[in-house]
Amino acid sequence: MTALKLVDAPSHKLWGGRFAGDTAPALDAVNRSIGVDFRLWPFDVRLSKAWAIALWSAGVVTVEESLALEHGLDAVAARLRAGVQPAPSDEDVHTLIDRLLHEEIGDVASKLHTGRSRNDQVATATRLWSMDACGVLDTAVRELQQVMLAQAESLSAANVIMPAYTHMQRAQPVSAAHWMLAHFWPLDRDRVRLATASRTAAVLPLGSGAVAGCAFPISRVLLQGSLGFAQLSPNSIDAVSDRDFVAELLFTLSMLAIHLSRVAEDLIIYGSSEFGFVQFGDAFTTGSSMMPQKRNPDALELARGSGGRLLGDLTSLLATLKGLPSGYNKDLQDDKRALFDAVDTMLLVLPGVAGALAECTFRADRMKSALSSSKMATDLADYLVGKGAPVREAHGAVGALVRQSEEAGVELHALPLKAFRAAHASFGADVFDALSAVASVERRETEGGTGPGAVRAQIVAAKATLA
């Protein structure tokens, strides 16, 4: 967010009657949160309008006063949208809105804070912000999934096959679309977690006051309905200090960042000259200031790096919450710093990964050249099992053949038939059919497997999740 410019204005605090002197400038500096929480203003205005109606419904203000508060808040919102800047005396967004409301409608503005505390106010605004953020994040994740799905469909249609890896060693041949979809499904789980985080945030704390509840007959059910919350908080002490919803959203974003880091890592490795499976495009890569030939996957590397940053945001909040007694404590002011940073980072990274992946070209020829017949060792063992050999016996026989091919410096398919028969009597002339990468992939048609039919079913299922 662009740094806020403070403008001169008369001192305007929501507290201070019991203090004889001014606070120290050093305290003002560390206590002021307007630079972070300013972005809460649309939600603070929204909940304040709902509170004005609730005050009228409870008989605390007249209908004229309630309407004046609502119209005044609309005027404040218009000024904030137009770019009005905070004053040095505005220690937080609530103070800013209160000052502007007084400028708009005069002393009646003082009635708005009746029965309300900044404690339940900020908890409500932060929950509203989080619920909104979950929706925006879900859209961004869906857009990346759409790119993955499009790439998977293209790879499936072309029947592209590649080696899969375990321990970073070539393992077995798989459909390249199957590999692409392996990154789609973690994002689907992230979307489920985002929906859960949104539901966790949708518990209304407004009406809890500072810690003990509201002394006026405010209808919290009315507030719940007008603000779109799913539930009411059942305990006022817990309500003002509960930041579980922030922690859960930060955990969800940390998992999302980890999943983005893993797809970025795969693409970075596959895009290296040593692999050559992927060719990067121009729009999401950069060059080198010294080496003219370079094409650097910066968007993907920044996505990979973001995982550590979001883990830091989550850890900082959890460490803060661990040491707090019950009720509101000023330590909680920093919850938004971690929350906003995590959401902002993901909303930068997600389009970057989507754009980088969309312009990737997959090199089927390089993938195919990495599929040597030795990668079909598992298929050879399956061949023997199909002939009635025990699994352990089949594994040992094929292992001996792999060792023999390595010592001879040739691939498995180059060994003579007599070598196979010497390793196990069940090997017949059809053994070489088991060394086909295409046949290996086609044999794996179980649900969730890499066979062509199984992958087509995955694509159908993936489309259904995005429908």
Protein backbone atom coordinates (compact mmCIF):
# COMPACT_ATOMS: atom_id res chain seq x y z
CA MET A 1 0.00 0.00 0.00
CA THR A 2 1.23 3.52 -0.76
CA ALA A 3 2.53 5.30 2.34
CA LEU A 4 -0.07 7.62 3.87
CA LYS A 5 0.55 11.36 4.04
CA LEU A 6 -0.47 12.89 7.37
CA VAL A 7 -2.18 16.29 7.33
CA ASP A 8 -2.55 18.77 10.14
CA ALA A 9 -5.80 18.67 12.10
CA PRO A 10 -6.91 19.42 15.66
CA SER A 11 -6.22 16.67 18.21
CA HIS A 12 -9.10 14.18 18.25
CA LYS A 13 -8.90 11.17 20.56
CA LEU A 14 -11.55 8.69 21.59
CA TRP A 15 -10.13 8.64 25.12
CA GLY A 16 -8.13 10.79 27.53
CA GLY A 17 -10.46 12.31 30.12
CA ARG A 18 -8.64 10.77 33.04
CA PHE A 19 -5.21 11.95 31.79
CA ALA A 20 -3.78 15.30 32.90
CA GLY A 21 -1.10 15.57 30.23
CA ASP A 22 -0.31 14.55 26.68
CA THR A 23 1.19 11.21 25.73
CA ALA A 24 4.87 11.11 24.84
CA PRO A 25 5.70 11.50 21.14
CA ALA A 26 7.61 8.22 21.31
CA LEU A 27 4.46 6.44 22.51
CA ASP A 28 2.37 8.13 19.83
CA ALA A 29 4.81 6.86 17.21
CA VAL A 30 4.72 3.23 18.34
CA ASN A 31 1.01 3.28 19.21
CA ARG A 32 -0.22 4.73 15.90
CA SER A 33 -1.55 2.02 13.59
CA ILE A 34 -3.21 4.20 10.93
CA GLY A 35 -0.52 3.30 8.41
CA VAL A 36 -1.56 -0.34 8.62
CA ASP A 37 -5.27 -0.36 9.43
CA PHE A 38 -6.32 2.50 7.14
CA ARG A 39 -7.47 -0.06 4.58
CA LEU A 40 -10.17 -1.23 7.00
CA TRP A 41 -12.15 1.99 6.47
CA PRO A 42 -14.82 0.61 4.07
CA PHE A 43 -15.64 -2.12 6.56
CA ASP A 44 -15.52 0.20 9.57
CA VAL A 45 -17.94 2.56 7.83
CA ARG A 46 -20.21 -0.36 6.97
CA LEU A 47 -20.35 -1.72 10.51
CA SER A 48 -20.77 1.80 11.90
CA LYS A 49 -23.85 2.34 9.73
CA ALA A 50 -25.27 -0.94 11.01
CA TRP A 51 -24.52 0.19 14.57
CA ALA A 52 -26.33 3.48 14.00
CA ILE A 53 -29.46 1.56 12.95
CA ALA A 54 -29.11 -0.79 15.93
CA LEU A 55 -28.86 2.21 18.28
CA TRP A 56 -32.14 3.56 16.88
CA SER A 57 -33.77 0.13 17.12
CA ALA A 58 -32.73 -0.01 20.79
CA GLY A 59 -34.15 3.46 21.46
CA VAL A 60 -30.74 4.95 22.23
CA VAL A 61 -30.89 7.54 19.41
CA THR A 62 -33.81 9.03 17.51
CA VAL A 63 -34.57 8.11 13.95
CA GLU A 64 -33.36 11.56 12.87
CA GLU A 65 -30.06 11.05 14.68
CA SER A 66 -29.66 7.59 13.21
CA LEU A 67 -30.26 8.93 9.71
CA ALA A 68 -27.83 11.77 10.32
CA LEU A 69 -25.18 9.24 11.41
CA GLU A 70 -25.79 7.10 8.32
CA HIS A 71 -25.67 10.05 5.91
CA GLY A 72 -22.61 11.41 7.67
CA LEU A 73 -20.85 8.07 7.33
CA ASP A 74 -21.70 8.05 3.61
CA ALA A 75 -20.09 11.49 3.34
CA VAL A 76 -17.02 10.23 5.22
CA ALA A 77 -16.76 7.28 2.84
CA ALA A 78 -16.95 9.64 -0.14
CA ARG A 79 -14.12 11.76 1.29
CA LEU A 80 -11.98 8.69 1.95
CA ARG A 81 -12.56 7.40 -1.58
CA ALA A 82 -11.57 10.83 -2.86
CA GLY A 83 -8.24 10.54 -1.07
CA VAL A 84 -8.59 12.50 2.18
CA GLN A 85 -5.47 11.92 4.29
CA PRO A 86 -5.17 11.08 8.01
CA ALA A 87 -3.98 13.67 10.53
CA PRO A 88 -1.16 13.13 13.04
CA SER A 89 -3.79 12.87 15.78
CA ASP A 90 -5.51 9.93 14.02
CA GLU A 91 -3.95 7.03 15.85
CA ASP A 92 -6.03 4.46 13.98
CA VAL A 93 -8.72 4.17 11.32
CA HIS A 94 -11.50 4.39 13.93
CA THR A 95 -10.20 7.72 15.22
CA LEU A 96 -9.92 9.00 11.66
CA ILE A 97 -13.52 8.09 10.80
CA ASP A 98 -14.80 9.54 14.08
CA ARG A 99 -13.00 12.84 13.41
CA LEU A 100 -14.32 13.09 9.84
CA LEU A 101 -17.83 12.24 11.02
CA HIS A 102 -17.70 15.11 13.54
CA GLU A 103 -16.61 17.42 10.72
CA GLU A 104 -19.60 16.30 8.66
CA ILE A 105 -22.48 16.28 11.20
CA GLY A 106 -21.20 17.90 14.38
CA ASP A 107 -21.87 16.76 17.95
CA VAL A 108 -24.40 14.07 17.05
CA ALA A 109 -21.41 12.08 15.80
CA SER A 110 -20.44 11.50 19.45
CA LYS A 111 -23.53 9.30 19.90
CA LEU A 112 -22.28 6.71 17.43
CA HIS A 113 -19.80 5.24 19.88
CA THR A 114 -22.49 4.60 22.51
CA GLY A 115 -22.12 1.06 23.89
CA ARG A 116 -19.30 0.27 21.51
CA SER A 117 -15.55 -0.19 22.00
CA ARG A 118 -12.71 -0.11 19.56
CA ASN A 119 -12.08 -3.66 20.76
CA ASP A 120 -15.26 -5.14 19.26
CA GLN A 121 -15.14 -2.60 16.43
CA VAL A 122 -11.71 -3.63 15.12
CA ALA A 123 -12.46 -7.32 15.57
CA THR A 124 -15.59 -6.89 13.43
CA ALA A 125 -13.88 -4.83 10.75
CA THR A 126 -11.00 -7.30 10.51
CA ARG A 127 -13.42 -10.22 10.17
CA LEU A 128 -15.32 -8.41 7.40
CA TRP A 129 -12.04 -7.65 5.63
CA SER A 130 -10.95 -11.30 5.93
CA MET A 131 -14.24 -12.62 4.56
CA ASP A 132 -13.89 -10.30 1.57
CA ALA A 133 -10.24 -11.28 1.06
CA CYS A 134 -11.14 -14.98 1.00
CA GLY A 135 -13.43 -14.35 -1.96
CA VAL A 136 -10.78 -12.40 -3.86
CA LEU A 137 -8.16 -15.05 -3.14
CA ASP A 138 -10.48 -17.84 -4.26
CA THR A 139 -10.93 -16.11 -7.61
CA ALA A 140 -7.16 -15.77 -8.06
CA VAL A 141 -6.58 -19.44 -7.21
CA ARG A 142 -9.33 -20.49 -9.65
CA GLU A 143 -7.65 -18.50 -12.42
CA LEU A 144 -4.38 -20.36 -11.83
CA GLN A 145 -6.27 -23.66 -11.81
CA GLN A 146 -7.84 -22.73 -15.15
CA VAL A 147 -4.36 -22.28 -16.61
CA MET A 148 -3.25 -25.65 -15.20
CA LEU A 149 -6.34 -27.33 -16.59
CA ALA A 150 -5.79 -25.82 -20.04
CA GLN A 151 -2.18 -27.02 -20.07
CA ALA A 152 -3.26 -30.47 -18.89
CA GLU A 153 -5.87 -30.74 -21.66
CA SER A 154 -3.30 -29.75 -24.26
CA LEU A 155 -0.73 -32.25 -22.98
CA SER A 156 -3.35 -34.99 -22.77
CA ALA A 157 -4.55 -34.37 -26.31
CA ALA A 158 -0.96 -34.66 -27.56
CA ASN A 159 -0.32 -37.84 -25.52
CA VAL A 160 2.85 -36.33 -24.06
CA ILE A 161 4.72 -38.69 -21.75
CA MET A 162 7.47 -37.74 -19.30
CA PRO A 163 9.41 -39.34 -16.46
CA ALA A 164 8.06 -38.91 -12.94
CA TYR A 165 10.60 -38.52 -10.16
CA THR A 166 11.07 -39.82 -6.65
CA HIS A 167 14.08 -38.65 -4.62
CA MET A 168 14.79 -36.48 -7.71
CA GLN A 169 15.68 -39.67 -9.61
CA ARG A 170 13.80 -40.80 -12.71
CA ALA A 171 11.20 -43.28 -11.55
CA GLN A 172 8.39 -44.26 -13.95
CA PRO A 173 6.82 -42.85 -17.10
CA VAL A 174 3.65 -40.80 -16.62
CA SER A 175 1.35 -38.69 -18.72
CA ALA A 176 2.58 -35.07 -18.65
CA ALA A 177 -1.04 -34.05 -18.08
CA HIS A 178 -1.03 -36.27 -14.98
CA TRP A 179 1.99 -34.35 -13.65
CA MET A 180 0.25 -31.03 -14.35
CA LEU A 181 -2.89 -32.14 -12.54
CA ALA A 182 -0.76 -33.18 -9.55
CA HIS A 183 -0.41 -29.43 -8.93
CA PHE A 184 -4.10 -28.70 -9.61
CA TRP A 185 -5.50 -30.76 -6.73
CA PRO A 186 -3.45 -29.16 -3.92
CA LEU A 187 -4.89 -25.81 -5.03
CA ASP A 188 -8.35 -27.34 -4.85
CA ARG A 189 -7.67 -28.23 -1.22
CA ASP A 190 -6.49 -24.66 -0.67
CA ARG A 191 -9.82 -23.39 -1.96
CA VAL A 192 -11.64 -25.63 0.50
CA ARG A 193 -9.48 -24.20 3.28
CA LEU A 194 -10.22 -20.66 2.08
CA ALA A 195 -13.94 -21.36 2.27
CA THR A 196 -13.47 -22.74 5.78
CA ALA A 197 -11.42 -19.69 6.80
CA SER A 198 -14.20 -17.44 5.52
CA ARG A 199 -16.77 -19.33 7.60
CA THR A 200 -14.50 -19.13 10.65
CA ALA A 201 -14.31 -15.35 10.21
CA ALA A 202 -18.10 -15.03 9.87
CA VAL A 203 -18.75 -14.83 13.63
CA LEU A 204 -19.96 -11.39 14.77
CA PRO A 205 -18.14 -9.83 17.76
CA LEU A 206 -19.88 -6.43 17.51
CA GLY A 207 -21.94 -5.80 20.63
CA SER A 208 -19.32 -7.35 22.91
CA GLY A 209 -18.06 -3.94 24.01
CA ALA A 210 -14.59 -3.67 25.48
CA VAL A 211 -14.81 -7.03 27.26
CA ALA A 212 -18.10 -7.40 29.18
CA GLY A 213 -20.79 -6.90 26.54
CA CYS A 214 -23.06 -3.96 25.75
CA ALA A 215 -25.14 -2.22 28.46
CA PHE A 216 -27.77 -1.08 25.95
CA PRO A 217 -30.48 -3.36 24.47
CA ILE A 218 -28.78 -3.66 21.09
CA SER A 219 -30.08 -6.41 18.80
CA ARG A 220 -27.01 -8.40 17.86
CA VAL A 221 -29.21 -10.59 15.67
CA LEU A 222 -30.11 -7.48 13.66
CA LEU A 223 -26.41 -6.63 13.36
CA GLN A 224 -25.60 -10.18 12.30
CA GLY A 225 -28.15 -10.14 9.51
CA SER A 226 -27.32 -6.67 8.21
CA LEU A 227 -23.57 -7.35 8.12
CA GLY A 228 -23.80 -10.86 6.67
CA PHE A 229 -22.33 -12.86 9.52
CA ALA A 230 -23.25 -16.52 9.99
CA GLN A 231 -23.11 -16.61 13.78
CA LEU A 232 -22.92 -14.47 16.91
CA SER A 233 -19.93 -14.72 19.24
CA PRO A 234 -21.12 -16.51 22.41
CA ASN A 235 -18.72 -14.86 24.88
CA SER A 236 -17.70 -11.19 25.01
CA ILE A 237 -14.27 -11.82 26.59
CA ASP A 238 -13.38 -14.32 23.88
CA ALA A 239 -14.96 -12.23 21.12
CA VAL A 240 -12.66 -9.22 21.45
CA SER A 241 -9.47 -11.30 21.70
CA ASP A 242 -10.23 -14.16 19.29
CA ARG A 243 -7.81 -14.12 16.38
CA ASP A 244 -8.19 -17.77 15.48
CA PHE A 245 -9.72 -16.68 12.19
CA VAL A 246 -6.57 -14.72 11.33
CA ALA A 247 -4.36 -17.66 12.25
CA GLU A 248 -6.46 -20.03 10.15
CA LEU A 249 -6.35 -17.75 7.15
CA LEU A 250 -2.58 -17.34 7.55
CA PHE A 251 -2.18 -21.12 7.76
CA THR A 252 -4.28 -21.51 4.61
CA LEU A 253 -2.15 -18.93 2.80
CA SER A 254 1.04 -20.58 4.03
CA MET A 255 -0.12 -23.89 2.55
CA LEU A 256 -1.07 -22.11 -0.66
CA ALA A 257 2.37 -20.49 -0.78
CA ILE A 258 4.01 -23.88 -0.25
CA HIS A 259 2.00 -25.38 -3.11
CA LEU A 260 2.93 -22.49 -5.38
CA SER A 261 6.56 -22.92 -4.37
CA ARG A 262 6.46 -26.57 -5.37
CA VAL A 263 4.97 -25.98 -8.81
CA ALA A 264 7.45 -23.15 -9.30
CA GLU A 265 10.31 -25.46 -8.32
CA ASP A 266 9.21 -28.10 -10.80
CA LEU A 267 8.97 -25.58 -13.62
CA ILE A 268 12.30 -23.97 -12.76
CA ILE A 269 14.04 -27.35 -12.77
CA TYR A 270 12.28 -28.56 -15.91
CA GLY A 271 13.12 -25.27 -17.61
CA SER A 272 16.85 -25.63 -17.01
CA SER A 273 19.16 -26.57 -19.87
CA GLU A 274 19.91 -29.86 -18.14
CA PHE A 275 16.24 -30.91 -18.40
CA GLY A 276 14.83 -28.80 -21.22
CA PHE A 277 11.28 -30.06 -20.66
CA VAL A 278 9.91 -26.51 -20.46
CA GLN A 279 10.56 -23.40 -22.53
CA PHE A 280 9.68 -20.14 -20.80
CA GLY A 281 8.02 -17.20 -22.54
CA ASP A 282 9.03 -13.54 -22.62
CA ALA A 283 6.39 -11.77 -20.54
CA PHE A 284 7.16 -13.41 -17.17
CA THR A 285 10.93 -13.83 -17.45
CA THR A 286 13.83 -11.39 -17.37
CA GLY A 287 17.30 -11.16 -18.85
CA SER A 288 20.71 -10.76 -17.32
CA SER A 289 22.59 -7.47 -17.04
CA MET A 290 25.80 -9.29 -17.98
CA MET A 291 24.91 -12.46 -19.91
CA PRO A 292 22.83 -11.76 -23.05
CA GLN A 293 21.75 -15.38 -23.47
CA LYS A 294 19.96 -15.67 -20.14
CA ARG A 295 16.23 -16.09 -19.62
CA ASN A 296 15.50 -16.05 -15.91
CA PRO A 297 12.16 -17.33 -14.50
CA ASP A 298 11.88 -14.48 -12.00
CA ALA A 299 8.12 -14.76 -11.43
CA LEU A 300 8.50 -18.40 -10.46
CA GLU A 301 11.53 -17.75 -8.27
CA LEU A 302 9.68 -14.98 -6.42
CA ALA A 303 6.75 -17.36 -5.93
CA ARG A 304 9.13 -19.93 -4.50
CA GLY A 305 10.58 -17.34 -2.14
CA SER A 306 7.17 -16.20 -0.92
CA GLY A 307 6.66 -19.45 0.97
CA GLY A 308 9.20 -18.47 3.60
CA ARG A 309 7.69 -15.01 3.97
CA LEU A 310 4.20 -16.35 4.65
CA LEU A 311 5.52 -18.93 7.10
CA GLY A 312 7.04 -15.97 8.93
CA ASP A 313 3.69 -14.15 9.04
CA LEU A 314 1.97 -17.22 10.48
CA THR A 315 4.70 -17.85 13.03
CA SER A 316 4.75 -14.24 14.22
CA LEU A 317 1.01 -14.26 14.90
CA LEU A 318 1.01 -17.63 16.67
CA ALA A 319 3.92 -16.55 18.86
CA THR A 320 2.00 -13.38 19.79
CA LEU A 321 -1.22 -15.25 20.62
CA LYS A 322 0.60 -17.83 22.72
CA GLY A 323 1.61 -15.30 25.38
CA LEU A 324 -1.62 -13.33 25.78
CA PRO A 325 -3.95 -13.36 28.79
CA SER A 326 -7.71 -13.32 28.18
CA GLY A 327 -9.41 -10.17 26.93
CA TYR A 328 -8.07 -7.60 24.50
CA ASN A 329 -4.38 -6.66 24.58
CA LYS A 330 -2.58 -4.13 22.41
CA ASP A 331 -0.31 -6.87 21.09
CA LEU A 332 -3.22 -7.78 18.81
CA GLN A 333 -2.72 -4.54 16.89
CA ASP A 334 -0.03 -6.34 14.88
CA ASP A 335 -2.37 -9.10 13.70
CA LYS A 336 -3.30 -7.00 10.69
CA ARG A 337 0.30 -6.39 9.70
CA ALA A 338 0.82 -10.15 9.24
CA LEU A 339 -2.63 -10.68 7.70
CA PHE A 340 -2.39 -7.88 5.17
CA ASP A 341 1.16 -8.83 4.18
CA ALA A 342 0.18 -12.45 3.55
CA VAL A 343 -2.90 -11.59 1.48
CA ASP A 344 -1.08 -8.88 -0.47
CA THR A 345 1.80 -11.25 -1.24
CA MET A 346 -0.49 -14.00 -2.51
CA LEU A 347 -2.47 -11.59 -4.67
CA LEU A 348 0.81 -10.60 -6.33
CA VAL A 349 2.22 -14.11 -6.63
CA LEU A 350 -0.85 -15.95 -7.93
CA PRO A 351 -1.20 -13.93 -11.17
CA GLY A 352 2.56 -14.16 -11.65
CA VAL A 353 2.53 -17.96 -11.50
CA ALA A 354 -0.58 -18.14 -13.68
CA GLY A 355 1.00 -15.90 -16.28
CA ALA A 356 4.33 -17.71 -16.26
CA LEU A 357 2.67 -21.12 -16.61
CA ALA A 358 0.30 -19.97 -19.34
CA GLU A 359 3.18 -18.98 -21.60
CA CYS A 360 5.24 -22.13 -20.95
CA THR A 361 5.82 -24.45 -23.89
CA PHE A 362 6.34 -28.11 -23.03
CA ARG A 363 9.00 -29.94 -25.05
CA ALA A 364 7.56 -33.40 -25.78
CA ASP A 365 10.75 -34.43 -27.58
CA ARG A 366 12.96 -33.71 -24.56
CA MET A 367 10.54 -35.49 -22.23
CA LYS A 368 10.47 -38.54 -24.49
CA SER A 369 14.26 -38.67 -24.72
CA ALA A 370 14.43 -38.91 -20.92
CA LEU A 371 12.37 -42.13 -20.96
CA SER A 372 14.97 -44.88 -21.22
CA SER A 373 13.87 -48.52 -21.04
CA SER A 374 15.49 -48.90 -17.62
CA LYS A 375 12.62 -46.80 -16.26
CA MET A 376 10.30 -49.70 -17.09
CA ALA A 377 11.92 -51.96 -14.47
CA THR A 378 8.70 -51.93 -12.47
CA ASP A 379 6.81 -53.05 -15.56
CA LEU A 380 9.25 -55.95 -15.98
CA ALA A 381 8.59 -57.01 -12.41
CA ASP A 382 4.83 -56.72 -13.05
CA TYR A 383 5.33 -58.89 -16.15
CA LEU A 384 6.85 -61.67 -14.03
CA VAL A 385 4.13 -61.34 -11.38
CA GLY A 386 1.59 -61.71 -14.17
CA LYS A 387 3.34 -64.97 -15.09
CA GLY A 388 2.91 -66.24 -11.53
CA ALA A 389 6.23 -65.25 -9.95
CA PRO A 390 6.18 -63.94 -6.35
CA VAL A 391 6.78 -60.18 -6.05
CA ARG A 392 10.05 -60.55 -4.14
CA GLU A 393 11.38 -63.04 -6.67
CA ALA A 394 10.37 -60.81 -9.58
CA HIS A 395 11.97 -57.76 -7.94
CA GLY A 396 15.25 -59.63 -7.48
CA ALA A 397 15.33 -60.92 -11.06
CA VAL A 398 14.71 -57.48 -12.55
CA GLY A 399 17.26 -55.91 -10.19
CA ALA A 400 19.87 -58.36 -11.52
CA LEU A 401 19.00 -57.36 -15.09
CA VAL A 402 19.33 -53.65 -14.26
CA ARG A 403 22.77 -54.28 -12.74
CA GLN A 404 23.79 -56.26 -15.83
CA SER A 405 22.65 -53.45 -18.17
CA GLU A 406 24.54 -50.85 -16.13
CA GLU A 407 27.73 -52.93 -16.17
CA ALA A 408 27.40 -53.40 -19.92
CA GLY A 409 26.62 -49.71 -20.45
CA VAL A 410 23.42 -50.42 -22.37
CA GLU A 411 19.70 -49.94 -21.78
CA LEU A 412 17.51 -52.88 -20.76
CA HIS A 413 15.98 -53.26 -24.20
CA ALA A 414 19.48 -53.81 -25.64
CA LEU A 415 20.07 -56.94 -23.57
CA PRO A 416 19.57 -60.21 -25.48
CA LEU A 417 16.59 -62.43 -24.76
CA LYS A 418 18.87 -65.09 -23.28
CA ALA A 419 19.90 -62.58 -20.58
CA PHE A 420 16.26 -62.17 -19.57
CA ARG A 421 15.68 -65.94 -19.56
CA ALA A 422 18.79 -66.43 -17.48
CA ALA A 423 17.44 -63.97 -14.92
CA HIS A 424 14.07 -65.77 -14.74
CA ALA A 425 12.60 -68.68 -16.65
CA SER A 426 9.21 -66.97 -17.04
CA PHE A 427 10.57 -64.32 -19.41
CA GLY A 428 9.35 -64.97 -22.95
CA ALA A 429 9.82 -63.32 -26.31
CA ASP A 430 7.07 -60.82 -25.46
CA VAL A 431 9.20 -59.35 -22.65
CA PHE A 432 10.26 -56.43 -24.84
CA ASP A 433 6.65 -55.24 -25.04
CA ALA A 434 6.89 -54.54 -21.31
CA LEU A 435 9.70 -52.07 -21.98
CA SER A 436 7.46 -49.60 -23.84
CA ALA A 437 6.86 -46.30 -22.02
CA VAL A 438 3.55 -45.83 -23.81
CA ALA A 439 2.38 -49.31 -22.79
CA SER A 440 3.52 -48.63 -19.22
CA VAL A 441 1.33 -45.53 -19.02
CA GLU A 442 -1.62 -47.20 -20.71
CA ARG A 443 -1.61 -50.07 -18.20
CA ARG A 444 -2.30 -47.72 -15.27
CA GLU A 445 -6.00 -46.99 -15.66
CA THR A 446 -7.07 -47.25 -12.02
CA GLU A 447 -8.86 -44.19 -10.61
CA GLY A 448 -6.27 -41.47 -10.05
CA GLY A 449 -3.70 -43.27 -12.19
CA THR A 450 -1.73 -41.98 -15.16
CA GLY A 451 -3.52 -44.01 -17.85
CA PRO A 452 -5.15 -42.01 -20.66
CA GLY A 453 -8.69 -42.84 -19.55
CA ALA A 454 -7.90 -42.10 -15.91
CA VAL A 455 -6.39 -38.76 -16.85
CA ARG A 456 -9.41 -37.85 -18.96
CA ALA A 457 -11.59 -38.64 -15.95
CA GLN A 458 -9.37 -36.39 -13.83
CA ILE A 459 -9.83 -33.57 -16.30
CA VAL A 460 -13.60 -34.00 -16.14
CA ALA A 461 -13.44 -33.95 -12.33
CA ALA A 462 -11.20 -30.87 -12.38
CA LYS A 463 -13.65 -29.03 -14.61
CA ALA A 464 -16.45 -29.96 -12.23
CA THR A 465 -14.64 -28.41 -9.25
CA LEU A 466 -14.37 -25.13 -11.16
CA ALA A 467 -17.95 -25.16 -12.42
